[in-house]
Amino acid sequence: MAEILNREGLKYTGKVQPQAGERDENGQLLYPYLPEDDLIEAVNLAIQLERPLLIKGEPGCGKTKLARAVAYELGLPYETWNIKSTSRAKDGLYTYDVVGRLRDAQLAAAGRLNDEKIQKIDKDETYIKWRPLGQAFLNEQTTVLLIDEIDKADIDFPNDLLLELDEQRFTIEETGDKIQAKAAPIVFITSNDEKDLPDAFLRRCLFHYVEFPQRLKLIEIVKAHFPDSPETLVTAIIDRFLELREEMRKDKGESGKKVSTSELRDWLLVLRHYPEDRVLDDLGKKLLYPSVLLKSWDDYNRYGKPKRSGGQL
């Protein structure tokens, strides 16, 4: 893979991982993220070209974890914008407390505010609360920004972000102030393909599809998350997991919902608390703790129930 550097010398390698038990500034546990080489290359292209990286892949494959991993390795500020069906483009930039400003202006006119509070009425920052994209523009240092599940929003939502993502600027409607990014953020956008995204938006993005890991990569990922787990237990659990996943693929096709890496992690969290010999013995007889893996009645009925023999359990 060719070495790619942007003007600030930022380069993601995927080799810098958090220590066991390490937490972020919000107290959340940090976990290793082991990207494939082609994903590392896509990240560095996005850094160099200052383009958003649109990431797709089946749910639970780790799309949302990438941005945090990049921020951790590069030592950069990190912002997350979680998209909802009601989200508007402006929601990621700022909110302006119009009611609060009107109230304060009325109180000032009535002589009920002191001089210090009166002076603050004419300062925009008193009533502006910066949101993730707006905060990323204001940061002096390059910020890693995750726009998560953009396809949840209205179809016009991505096009409403074209100016902000393309020219790194926006205008505060209530004041007319123009905000230009001090340092272009590194933007990651995830999508679960719930709806098609507009062509004008796609033209401004780089794209990468996160493939489900092959067996050896999956073992490597699990060992990174659970370094103290016996190798025989890890491989047996993964083999049973992949067997289930293949059954689901045959029944549902490539586009159907299958068990994912996030569910595998939860399954391991449960199974590693039981004696290894017991787990190894039971794995060949039944699907242990199917409620951790199977998220619909049809799946539970098909894959989760013990096999019947001669009409009896």
C-alpha atoms as a PDB file:
ATOM      1  CA  MET A   1       0.000   0.000   0.000  1.00  0.00           C
ATOM      2  CA  ALA A   2       1.470   3.350  -1.027  1.00  0.00           C
ATOM      3  CA  GLU A   3       2.232   5.820   1.755  1.00  0.00           C
ATOM      4  CA  ILE A   4      -0.246   8.690   1.721  1.00  0.00           C
ATOM      5  CA  LEU A   5       0.264  11.848   3.760  1.00  0.00           C
ATOM      6  CA  ASN A   6      -1.783  15.026   3.822  1.00  0.00           C
ATOM      7  CA  ARG A   7      -0.411  18.528   4.369  1.00  0.00           C
ATOM      8  CA  GLU A   8      -0.292  18.039   8.132  1.00  0.00           C
ATOM      9  CA  GLY A   9       1.447  14.686   7.973  1.00  0.00           C
ATOM     10  CA  LEU A  10      -1.523  12.768   9.367  1.00  0.00           C
ATOM     11  CA  LYS A  11      -1.446   9.079   8.543  1.00  0.00           C
ATOM     12  CA  TYR A  12      -3.579   6.254   9.916  1.00  0.00           C
ATOM     13  CA  THR A  13      -1.920   2.851  10.284  1.00  0.00           C
ATOM     14  CA  GLY A  14      -4.424   0.836  12.331  1.00  0.00           C
ATOM     15  CA  LYS A  15      -1.568  -0.343  14.559  1.00  0.00           C
ATOM     16  CA  VAL A  16      -2.045   1.939  17.573  1.00  0.00           C
ATOM     17  CA  GLN A  17      -4.520   0.271  19.932  1.00  0.00           C
ATOM     18  CA  PRO A  18      -5.828   1.154  23.411  1.00  0.00           C
ATOM     19  CA  GLN A  19      -4.578  -0.771  26.409  1.00  0.00           C
ATOM     20  CA  ALA A  20      -6.861  -3.211  28.214  1.00  0.00           C
ATOM     21  CA  GLY A  21      -9.289  -1.295  30.409  1.00  0.00           C
ATOM     22  CA  GLU A  22      -8.460   2.093  28.890  1.00  0.00           C
ATOM     23  CA  ARG A  23     -11.356   4.562  28.773  1.00  0.00           C
ATOM     24  CA  ASP A  24     -12.092   7.703  26.787  1.00  0.00           C
ATOM     25  CA  GLU A  25     -12.791  11.163  28.158  1.00  0.00           C
ATOM     26  CA  ASN A  26     -16.427  10.164  28.816  1.00  0.00           C
ATOM     27  CA  GLY A  27     -15.482   7.065  30.773  1.00  0.00           C
ATOM     28  CA  GLN A  28     -16.405   4.639  27.993  1.00  0.00           C
ATOM     29  CA  LEU A  29     -14.215   1.585  27.511  1.00  0.00           C
ATOM     30  CA  LEU A  30     -12.028   1.642  24.406  1.00  0.00           C
ATOM     31  CA  TYR A  31     -11.635  -1.513  22.342  1.00  0.00           C
ATOM     32  CA  PRO A  32      -9.117  -2.534  19.681  1.00  0.00           C
ATOM     33  CA  TYR A  33     -10.057  -1.950  16.050  1.00  0.00           C
ATOM     34  CA  LEU A  34      -8.224  -4.077  13.490  1.00  0.00           C
ATOM     35  CA  PRO A  35      -8.907  -2.724   9.987  1.00  0.00           C
ATOM     36  CA  GLU A  36      -8.050  -4.437   6.717  1.00  0.00           C
ATOM     37  CA  ASP A  37      -5.392  -2.829   4.505  1.00  0.00           C
ATOM     38  CA  ASP A  38      -7.922  -1.546   1.968  1.00  0.00           C
ATOM     39  CA  LEU A  39      -9.850   0.271   4.707  1.00  0.00           C
ATOM     40  CA  ILE A  40      -6.638   1.873   6.001  1.00  0.00           C
ATOM     41  CA  GLU A  41      -5.932   3.054   2.472  1.00  0.00           C
ATOM     42  CA  ALA A  42      -9.449   4.521   2.143  1.00  0.00           C
ATOM     43  CA  VAL A  43      -9.033   6.431   5.420  1.00  0.00           C
ATOM     44  CA  ASN A  44      -5.738   7.941   4.294  1.00  0.00           C
ATOM     45  CA  LEU A  45      -7.184   8.923   0.927  1.00  0.00           C
ATOM     46  CA  ALA A  46     -10.012  10.722   2.737  1.00  0.00           C
ATOM     47  CA  ILE A  47      -7.457  12.528   4.914  1.00  0.00           C
ATOM     48  CA  GLN A  48      -5.350  13.557   1.934  1.00  0.00           C
ATOM     49  CA  LEU A  49      -8.236  14.690  -0.286  1.00  0.00           C
ATOM     50  CA  GLU A  50     -10.223  16.249   2.585  1.00  0.00           C
ATOM     51  CA  ARG A  51     -13.293  14.340   1.461  1.00  0.00           C
ATOM     52  CA  PRO A  52     -15.854  12.556   3.669  1.00  0.00           C
ATOM     53  CA  LEU A  53     -15.508   8.770   3.731  1.00  0.00           C
ATOM     54  CA  LEU A  54     -18.880   7.066   3.296  1.00  0.00           C
ATOM     55  CA  ILE A  55     -18.802   3.634   4.917  1.00  0.00           C
ATOM     56  CA  LYS A  56     -21.318   0.895   4.281  1.00  0.00           C
ATOM     57  CA  GLY A  57     -21.519  -2.700   5.444  1.00  0.00           C
ATOM     58  CA  GLU A  58     -24.000  -4.978   7.131  1.00  0.00           C
ATOM     59  CA  PRO A  59     -25.216  -3.851  10.588  1.00  0.00           C
ATOM     60  CA  GLY A  60     -22.860  -4.759  13.417  1.00  0.00           C
ATOM     61  CA  CYS A  61     -19.705  -4.956  11.301  1.00  0.00           C
ATOM     62  CA  GLY A  62     -17.942  -2.124  13.154  1.00  0.00           C
ATOM     63  CA  LYS A  63     -18.596   0.860  10.870  1.00  0.00           C
ATOM     64  CA  THR A  64     -19.156   3.272  13.741  1.00  0.00           C
ATOM     65  CA  LYS A  65     -15.988   2.156  15.577  1.00  0.00           C
ATOM     66  CA  LEU A  66     -13.620   3.266  12.807  1.00  0.00           C
ATOM     67  CA  ALA A  67     -13.855   7.013  13.439  1.00  0.00           C
ATOM     68  CA  ARG A  68     -13.091   6.575  17.135  1.00  0.00           C
ATOM     69  CA  ALA A  69     -10.110   4.365  16.288  1.00  0.00           C
ATOM     70  CA  VAL A  70      -8.710   6.973  13.871  1.00  0.00           C
ATOM     71  CA  ALA A  71      -9.132   9.754  16.437  1.00  0.00           C
ATOM     72  CA  TYR A  72      -7.414   7.623  19.079  1.00  0.00           C
ATOM     73  CA  GLU A  73      -4.385   6.764  16.945  1.00  0.00           C
ATOM     74  CA  LEU A  74      -3.901  10.303  15.620  1.00  0.00           C
ATOM     75  CA  GLY A  75      -4.585  11.933  18.998  1.00  0.00           C
ATOM     76  CA  LEU A  76      -7.334  14.165  17.585  1.00  0.00           C
ATOM     77  CA  PRO A  77     -10.575  15.567  19.050  1.00  0.00           C
ATOM     78  CA  TYR A  78     -13.622  13.429  18.310  1.00  0.00           C
ATOM     79  CA  GLU A  79     -17.248  14.397  17.702  1.00  0.00           C
ATOM     80  CA  THR A  80     -20.289  12.204  16.972  1.00  0.00           C
ATOM     81  CA  TRP A  81     -23.489  13.263  15.256  1.00  0.00           C
ATOM     82  CA  ASN A  82     -26.128  10.538  15.605  1.00  0.00           C
ATOM     83  CA  ILE A  83     -28.738  10.972  12.893  1.00  0.00           C
ATOM     84  CA  LYS A  84     -32.448  10.461  13.548  1.00  0.00           C
ATOM     85  CA  SER A  85     -35.452  10.443  11.240  1.00  0.00           C
ATOM     86  CA  THR A  86     -36.222  14.016  12.328  1.00  0.00           C
ATOM     87  CA  SER A  87     -32.657  15.354  11.946  1.00  0.00           C
ATOM     88  CA  ARG A  88     -32.006  18.484   9.890  1.00  0.00           C
ATOM     89  CA  ALA A  89     -28.662  19.623   8.539  1.00  0.00           C
ATOM     90  CA  LYS A  90     -28.726  22.671  10.800  1.00  0.00           C
ATOM     91  CA  ASP A  91     -28.993  20.392  13.857  1.00  0.00           C
ATOM     92  CA  GLY A  92     -25.376  19.352  13.398  1.00  0.00           C
ATOM     93  CA  LEU A  93     -24.110  22.939  13.242  1.00  0.00           C
ATOM     94  CA  TYR A  94     -25.656  24.899  16.095  1.00  0.00           C
ATOM     95  CA  THR A  95     -28.826  25.745  17.972  1.00  0.00           C
ATOM     96  CA  TYR A  96     -29.867  29.326  18.682  1.00  0.00           C
ATOM     97  CA  ASP A  97     -31.960  30.149  21.729  1.00  0.00           C
ATOM     98  CA  VAL A  98     -34.319  32.696  20.145  1.00  0.00           C
ATOM     99  CA  VAL A  99     -36.796  32.503  23.030  1.00  0.00           C
ATOM    100  CA  GLY A 100     -34.044  33.065  25.593  1.00  0.00           C
ATOM    101  CA  ARG A 101     -32.747  36.125  23.756  1.00  0.00           C
ATOM    102  CA  LEU A 102     -36.238  37.598  23.434  1.00  0.00           C
ATOM    103  CA  ARG A 103     -36.886  37.011  27.142  1.00  0.00           C
ATOM    104  CA  ASP A 104     -33.625  38.690  28.145  1.00  0.00           C
ATOM    105  CA  ALA A 105     -34.300  41.641  25.833  1.00  0.00           C
ATOM    106  CA  GLN A 106     -37.707  42.140  27.451  1.00  0.00           C
ATOM    107  CA  LEU A 107     -36.211  41.912  30.934  1.00  0.00           C
ATOM    108  CA  ALA A 108     -33.509  44.420  29.991  1.00  0.00           C
ATOM    109  CA  ALA A 109     -36.118  46.861  28.626  1.00  0.00           C
ATOM    110  CA  ALA A 110     -37.964  46.550  31.908  1.00  0.00           C
ATOM    111  CA  GLY A 111     -34.780  47.291  33.855  1.00  0.00           C
ATOM    112  CA  ARG A 112     -34.721  43.891  35.486  1.00  0.00           C
ATOM    113  CA  LEU A 113     -31.210  42.808  34.340  1.00  0.00           C
ATOM    114  CA  ASN A 114     -27.863  44.018  35.655  1.00  0.00           C
ATOM    115  CA  ASP A 115     -25.293  45.621  33.342  1.00  0.00           C
ATOM    116  CA  GLU A 116     -23.264  42.448  32.944  1.00  0.00           C
ATOM    117  CA  LYS A 117     -26.251  40.450  31.707  1.00  0.00           C
ATOM    118  CA  ILE A 118     -27.373  43.317  29.457  1.00  0.00           C
ATOM    119  CA  GLN A 119     -23.956  43.331  27.756  1.00  0.00           C
ATOM    120  CA  LYS A 120     -24.257  39.589  27.092  1.00  0.00           C
ATOM    121  CA  ILE A 121     -27.515  40.048  25.154  1.00  0.00           C
ATOM    122  CA  ASP A 122     -25.626  41.429  22.179  1.00  0.00           C
ATOM    123  CA  LYS A 123     -23.081  38.591  22.207  1.00  0.00           C
ATOM    124  CA  ASP A 124     -24.117  35.746  19.950  1.00  0.00           C
ATOM    125  CA  GLU A 125     -22.228  33.111  21.940  1.00  0.00           C
ATOM    126  CA  THR A 126     -24.641  33.707  24.830  1.00  0.00           C
ATOM    127  CA  TYR A 127     -27.455  32.066  22.868  1.00  0.00           C
ATOM    128  CA  ILE A 128     -25.586  29.741  20.496  1.00  0.00           C
ATOM    129  CA  LYS A 129     -24.877  26.137  21.412  1.00  0.00           C
ATOM    130  CA  TRP A 130     -22.463  24.486  19.015  1.00  0.00           C
ATOM    131  CA  ARG A 131     -23.327  21.043  17.717  1.00  0.00           C
ATOM    132  CA  PRO A 132     -20.862  18.355  16.480  1.00  0.00           C
ATOM    133  CA  LEU A 133     -20.136  19.680  12.954  1.00  0.00           C
ATOM    134  CA  GLY A 134     -20.105  23.301  14.102  1.00  0.00           C
ATOM    135  CA  GLN A 135     -17.747  22.426  16.956  1.00  0.00           C
ATOM    136  CA  ALA A 136     -15.449  20.571  14.541  1.00  0.00           C
ATOM    137  CA  PHE A 137     -15.254  23.720  12.390  1.00  0.00           C
ATOM    138  CA  LEU A 138     -14.374  25.866  15.413  1.00  0.00           C
ATOM    139  CA  ASN A 139     -11.618  23.605  16.727  1.00  0.00           C
ATOM    140  CA  GLU A 140      -8.104  24.857  16.058  1.00  0.00           C
ATOM    141  CA  GLN A 141      -6.971  21.242  15.654  1.00  0.00           C
ATOM    142  CA  THR A 142      -8.230  18.819  13.007  1.00  0.00           C
ATOM    143  CA  THR A 143     -11.261  16.997  14.413  1.00  0.00           C
ATOM    144  CA  VAL A 144     -12.518  13.503  13.583  1.00  0.00           C
ATOM    145  CA  LEU A 145     -16.287  13.683  13.027  1.00  0.00           C
ATOM    146  CA  LEU A 146     -18.633  10.704  12.759  1.00  0.00           C
ATOM    147  CA  ILE A 147     -22.012  11.291  11.065  1.00  0.00           C
ATOM    148  CA  ASP A 148     -23.719   8.051  12.027  1.00  0.00           C
ATOM    149  CA  GLU A 149     -26.496   6.410   9.985  1.00  0.00           C
ATOM    150  CA  ILE A 150     -27.142   9.255   7.566  1.00  0.00           C
ATOM    151  CA  ASP A 151     -29.753   7.191   5.717  1.00  0.00           C
ATOM    152  CA  LYS A 152     -32.142   7.480   8.688  1.00  0.00           C
ATOM    153  CA  ALA A 153     -32.855  11.114   7.823  1.00  0.00           C
ATOM    154  CA  ASP A 154     -35.077  12.602   5.132  1.00  0.00           C
ATOM    155  CA  ILE A 155     -33.888  12.155   1.540  1.00  0.00           C
ATOM    156  CA  ASP A 156     -33.062  15.887   1.284  1.00  0.00           C
ATOM    157  CA  PHE A 157     -30.843  15.828   4.367  1.00  0.00           C
ATOM    158  CA  PRO A 158     -27.560  14.824   2.629  1.00  0.00           C
ATOM    159  CA  ASN A 159     -27.964  17.541  -0.029  1.00  0.00           C
ATOM    160  CA  ASP A 160     -28.517  20.122   2.714  1.00  0.00           C
ATOM    161  CA  LEU A 161     -24.961  19.395   3.883  1.00  0.00           C
ATOM    162  CA  LEU A 162     -23.225  19.936   0.530  1.00  0.00           C
ATOM    163  CA  LEU A 163     -21.927  23.440   1.275  1.00  0.00           C
ATOM    164  CA  GLU A 164     -20.691  22.500   4.737  1.00  0.00           C
ATOM    165  CA  LEU A 165     -18.900  19.355   3.584  1.00  0.00           C
ATOM    166  CA  ASP A 166     -17.620  20.739   0.285  1.00  0.00           C
ATOM    167  CA  GLU A 167     -16.523  24.254   1.237  1.00  0.00           C
ATOM    168  CA  GLN A 168     -16.129  23.775   5.002  1.00  0.00           C
ATOM    169  CA  ARG A 169     -18.313  26.765   5.908  1.00  0.00           C
ATOM    170  CA  PHE A 170     -21.810  27.785   6.954  1.00  0.00           C
ATOM    171  CA  THR A 171     -23.811  30.860   7.956  1.00  0.00           C
ATOM    172  CA  ILE A 172     -25.633  31.425  11.240  1.00  0.00           C
ATOM    173  CA  GLU A 173     -29.082  32.331   9.958  1.00  0.00           C
ATOM    174  CA  GLU A 174     -30.124  34.347  13.012  1.00  0.00           C
ATOM    175  CA  THR A 175     -27.094  36.663  12.974  1.00  0.00           C
ATOM    176  CA  GLY A 176     -25.688  36.435   9.443  1.00  0.00           C
ATOM    177  CA  ASP A 177     -22.253  35.505  10.818  1.00  0.00           C
ATOM    178  CA  LYS A 178     -20.211  33.305   8.497  1.00  0.00           C
ATOM    179  CA  ILE A 179     -18.264  30.430  10.023  1.00  0.00           C
ATOM    180  CA  GLN A 180     -15.285  28.992   8.135  1.00  0.00           C
ATOM    181  CA  ALA A 181     -13.588  25.830   9.378  1.00  0.00           C
ATOM    182  CA  LYS A 182     -10.287  26.589  11.102  1.00  0.00           C
ATOM    183  CA  ALA A 183      -9.043  23.095  10.260  1.00  0.00           C
ATOM    184  CA  ALA A 184     -10.809  20.748   7.834  1.00  0.00           C
ATOM    185  CA  PRO A 185     -12.309  17.876   9.863  1.00  0.00           C
ATOM    186  CA  ILE A 186     -11.818  14.220   8.963  1.00  0.00           C
ATOM    187  CA  VAL A 187     -15.409  13.134   8.306  1.00  0.00           C
ATOM    188  CA  PHE A 188     -16.727   9.568   8.429  1.00  0.00           C
ATOM    189  CA  ILE A 189     -20.322   8.890   7.380  1.00  0.00           C
ATOM    190  CA  THR A 190     -22.038   5.552   7.952  1.00  0.00           C
ATOM    191  CA  SER A 191     -25.059   4.158   6.139  1.00  0.00           C
ATOM    192  CA  ASN A 192     -27.037   0.932   6.483  1.00  0.00           C
ATOM    193  CA  ASP A 193     -28.509   1.329   2.988  1.00  0.00           C
ATOM    194  CA  GLU A 194     -32.023   1.960   4.274  1.00  0.00           C
ATOM    195  CA  LYS A 195     -32.465   4.399   1.397  1.00  0.00           C
ATOM    196  CA  ASP A 196     -30.446   5.613  -1.588  1.00  0.00           C
ATOM    197  CA  LEU A 197     -28.339   8.733  -1.121  1.00  0.00           C
ATOM    198  CA  PRO A 198     -28.455  11.598  -3.675  1.00  0.00           C
ATOM    199  CA  ASP A 199     -25.882  11.564  -6.496  1.00  0.00           C
ATOM    200  CA  ALA A 200     -24.740  15.122  -5.718  1.00  0.00           C
ATOM    201  CA  PHE A 201     -23.870  14.009  -2.195  1.00  0.00           C
ATOM    202  CA  LEU A 202     -22.160  10.790  -3.317  1.00  0.00           C
ATOM    203  CA  ARG A 203     -19.938  12.715  -5.737  1.00  0.00           C
ATOM    204  CA  ARG A 204     -18.401  14.551  -2.798  1.00  0.00           C
ATOM    205  CA  CYS A 205     -17.567  11.401  -0.847  1.00  0.00           C
ATOM    206  CA  LEU A 206     -15.088   8.584  -1.008  1.00  0.00           C
ATOM    207  CA  PHE A 207     -16.653   5.162  -0.498  1.00  0.00           C
ATOM    208  CA  HIS A 208     -15.717   1.938   1.250  1.00  0.00           C
ATOM    209  CA  TYR A 209     -17.680  -1.228   1.970  1.00  0.00           C
ATOM    210  CA  VAL A 210     -16.643  -3.064   5.135  1.00  0.00           C
ATOM    211  CA  GLU A 211     -16.643  -6.774   4.337  1.00  0.00           C
ATOM    212  CA  PHE A 212     -17.389  -9.327   7.033  1.00  0.00           C
ATOM    213  CA  PRO A 213     -14.038 -10.651   8.363  1.00  0.00           C
ATOM    214  CA  GLN A 214     -12.689 -13.989   7.212  1.00  0.00           C
ATOM    215  CA  ARG A 215     -12.123 -16.685   9.854  1.00  0.00           C
ATOM    216  CA  LEU A 216      -8.464 -15.891  10.603  1.00  0.00           C
ATOM    217  CA  LYS A 217      -9.174 -12.156  10.841  1.00  0.00           C
ATOM    218  CA  LEU A 218     -12.120 -12.866  13.099  1.00  0.00           C
ATOM    219  CA  ILE A 219      -9.885 -14.910  15.411  1.00  0.00           C
ATOM    220  CA  GLU A 220      -7.378 -12.046  15.455  1.00  0.00           C
ATOM    221  CA  ILE A 221     -10.123  -9.551  16.343  1.00  0.00           C
ATOM    222  CA  VAL A 222     -11.480 -11.743  19.145  1.00  0.00           C
ATOM    223  CA  LYS A 223      -8.008 -12.306  20.603  1.00  0.00           C
ATOM    224  CA  ALA A 224      -7.431  -8.550  20.628  1.00  0.00           C
ATOM    225  CA  HIS A 225     -10.679  -8.036  22.561  1.00  0.00           C
ATOM    226  CA  PHE A 226     -10.259 -11.041  24.855  1.00  0.00           C
ATOM    227  CA  PRO A 227      -6.497 -11.674  25.137  1.00  0.00           C
ATOM    228  CA  ASP A 228      -6.848 -13.981  28.172  1.00  0.00           C
ATOM    229  CA  SER A 229      -9.301 -16.399  26.553  1.00  0.00           C
ATOM    230  CA  PRO A 230      -7.922 -19.875  25.687  1.00  0.00           C
ATOM    231  CA  GLU A 231      -7.276 -20.295  21.971  1.00  0.00           C
ATOM    232  CA  THR A 232      -9.152 -23.598  21.780  1.00  0.00           C
ATOM    233  CA  LEU A 233     -12.236 -21.921  23.250  1.00  0.00           C
ATOM    234  CA  VAL A 234     -11.985 -18.927  20.927  1.00  0.00           C
ATOM    235  CA  THR A 235     -11.642 -21.030  17.768  1.00  0.00           C
ATOM    236  CA  ALA A 236     -14.485 -23.356  18.792  1.00  0.00           C
ATOM    237  CA  ILE A 237     -16.846 -20.436  19.476  1.00  0.00           C
ATOM    238  CA  ILE A 238     -15.933 -18.733  16.213  1.00  0.00           C
ATOM    239  CA  ASP A 239     -16.377 -21.945  14.219  1.00  0.00           C
ATOM    240  CA  ARG A 240     -19.851 -22.438  15.714  1.00  0.00           C
ATOM    241  CA  PHE A 241     -20.650 -18.789  15.047  1.00  0.00           C
ATOM    242  CA  LEU A 242     -19.555 -19.060  11.396  1.00  0.00           C
ATOM    243  CA  GLU A 243     -21.556 -22.260  11.011  1.00  0.00           C
ATOM    244  CA  LEU A 244     -24.670 -20.412  12.188  1.00  0.00           C
ATOM    245  CA  ARG A 245     -23.889 -17.472   9.925  1.00  0.00           C
ATOM    246  CA  GLU A 246     -23.542 -19.782   6.903  1.00  0.00           C
ATOM    247  CA  GLU A 247     -26.877 -21.444   7.705  1.00  0.00           C
ATOM    248  CA  MET A 248     -28.523 -18.022   7.809  1.00  0.00           C
ATOM    249  CA  ARG A 249     -26.856 -16.996   4.548  1.00  0.00           C
ATOM    250  CA  LYS A 250     -28.178 -20.086   2.765  1.00  0.00           C
ATOM    251  CA  ASP A 251     -31.682 -19.519   4.099  1.00  0.00           C
ATOM    252  CA  LYS A 252     -31.880 -15.738   3.636  1.00  0.00           C
ATOM    253  CA  GLY A 253     -29.436 -14.906   0.875  1.00  0.00           C
ATOM    254  CA  GLU A 254     -26.648 -12.348   0.968  1.00  0.00           C
ATOM    255  CA  SER A 255     -28.913  -9.419   1.861  1.00  0.00           C
ATOM    256  CA  GLY A 256     -30.723 -11.074   4.779  1.00  0.00           C
ATOM    257  CA  LYS A 257     -29.958 -10.241   8.414  1.00  0.00           C
ATOM    258  CA  LYS A 258     -27.224 -12.510   9.755  1.00  0.00           C
ATOM    259  CA  VAL A 259     -25.341 -12.619  13.026  1.00  0.00           C
ATOM    260  CA  SER A 260     -22.660  -9.931  13.170  1.00  0.00           C
ATOM    261  CA  THR A 261     -19.367  -9.220  14.904  1.00  0.00           C
ATOM    262  CA  SER A 262     -21.099  -7.140  17.579  1.00  0.00           C
ATOM    263  CA  GLU A 263     -23.276 -10.137  18.472  1.00  0.00           C
ATOM    264  CA  LEU A 264     -20.226 -12.404  18.452  1.00  0.00           C
ATOM    265  CA  ARG A 265     -18.574 -10.111  20.991  1.00  0.00           C
ATOM    266  CA  ASP A 266     -21.639 -10.251  23.273  1.00  0.00           C
ATOM    267  CA  TRP A 267     -21.735 -14.052  22.917  1.00  0.00           C
ATOM    268  CA  LEU A 268     -18.095 -14.314  23.933  1.00  0.00           C
ATOM    269  CA  LEU A 269     -18.695 -12.050  26.924  1.00  0.00           C
ATOM    270  CA  VAL A 270     -21.234 -14.607  28.140  1.00  0.00           C
ATOM    271  CA  LEU A 271     -19.460 -17.851  27.235  1.00  0.00           C
ATOM    272  CA  ARG A 272     -16.056 -16.938  28.643  1.00  0.00           C
ATOM    273  CA  HIS A 273     -17.522 -16.926  32.171  1.00  0.00           C
ATOM    274  CA  TYR A 274     -18.265 -20.665  32.018  1.00  0.00           C
ATOM    275  CA  PRO A 275     -15.811 -23.581  32.286  1.00  0.00           C
ATOM    276  CA  GLU A 276     -14.037 -24.192  28.990  1.00  0.00           C
ATOM    277  CA  ASP A 277     -14.727 -27.958  28.921  1.00  0.00           C
ATOM    278  CA  ARG A 278     -18.437 -27.379  29.502  1.00  0.00           C
ATOM    279  CA  VAL A 279     -18.697 -24.830  26.694  1.00  0.00           C
ATOM    280  CA  LEU A 280     -16.704 -26.988  24.266  1.00  0.00           C
ATOM    281  CA  ASP A 281     -18.931 -29.973  25.024  1.00  0.00           C
ATOM    282  CA  ASP A 282     -22.220 -28.067  24.742  1.00  0.00           C
ATOM    283  CA  LEU A 283     -21.318 -26.214  21.549  1.00  0.00           C
ATOM    284  CA  GLY A 284     -21.602 -29.446  19.585  1.00  0.00           C
ATOM    285  CA  LYS A 285     -25.059 -30.188  20.944  1.00  0.00           C
ATOM    286  CA  LYS A 286     -26.965 -26.910  20.798  1.00  0.00           C
ATOM    287  CA  LEU A 287     -26.710 -23.198  20.177  1.00  0.00           C
ATOM    288  CA  LEU A 288     -25.794 -21.808  23.580  1.00  0.00           C
ATOM    289  CA  TYR A 289     -27.631 -18.679  24.737  1.00  0.00           C
ATOM    290  CA  PRO A 290     -29.400 -18.097  21.402  1.00  0.00           C
ATOM    291  CA  SER A 291     -31.087 -14.932  22.697  1.00  0.00           C
ATOM    292  CA  VAL A 292     -27.699 -13.187  22.496  1.00  0.00           C
ATOM    293  CA  LEU A 293     -27.348 -13.984  18.780  1.00  0.00           C
ATOM    294  CA  LEU A 294     -30.864 -14.229  17.372  1.00  0.00           C
ATOM    295  CA  LYS A 295     -33.022 -11.115  17.262  1.00  0.00           C
ATOM    296  CA  SER A 296     -36.314 -12.292  15.740  1.00  0.00           C
ATOM    297  CA  TRP A 297     -38.840 -15.000  16.503  1.00  0.00           C
ATOM    298  CA  ASP A 298     -38.317 -16.607  13.099  1.00  0.00           C
ATOM    299  CA  ASP A 299     -34.577 -16.860  13.657  1.00  0.00           C
ATOM    300  CA  TYR A 300     -35.009 -18.144  17.185  1.00  0.00           C
ATOM    301  CA  ASN A 301     -37.539 -20.726  16.053  1.00  0.00           C
ATOM    302  CA  ARG A 302     -35.311 -21.906  13.193  1.00  0.00           C
ATOM    303  CA  TYR A 303     -31.836 -21.811  14.719  1.00  0.00           C
ATOM    304  CA  GLY A 304     -32.203 -21.433  18.472  1.00  0.00           C
ATOM    305  CA  LYS A 305     -34.320 -24.334  19.599  1.00  0.00           C
ATOM    306  CA  PRO A 306     -32.704 -27.687  20.466  1.00  0.00           C
ATOM    307  CA  LYS A 307     -33.061 -30.333  17.774  1.00  0.00           C
ATOM    308  CA  ARG A 308     -35.860 -32.803  18.403  1.00  0.00           C
ATOM    309  CA  SER A 309     -35.268 -36.512  18.235  1.00  0.00           C
ATOM    310  CA  GLY A 310     -38.141 -39.036  18.059  1.00  0.00           C
ATOM    311  CA  GLY A 311     -40.660 -36.347  18.935  1.00  0.00           C
ATOM    312  CA  GLN A 312     -38.924 -35.511  22.230  1.00  0.00           C
ATOM    313  CA  LEU A 313     -36.409 -32.846  23.247  1.00  0.00           C
END
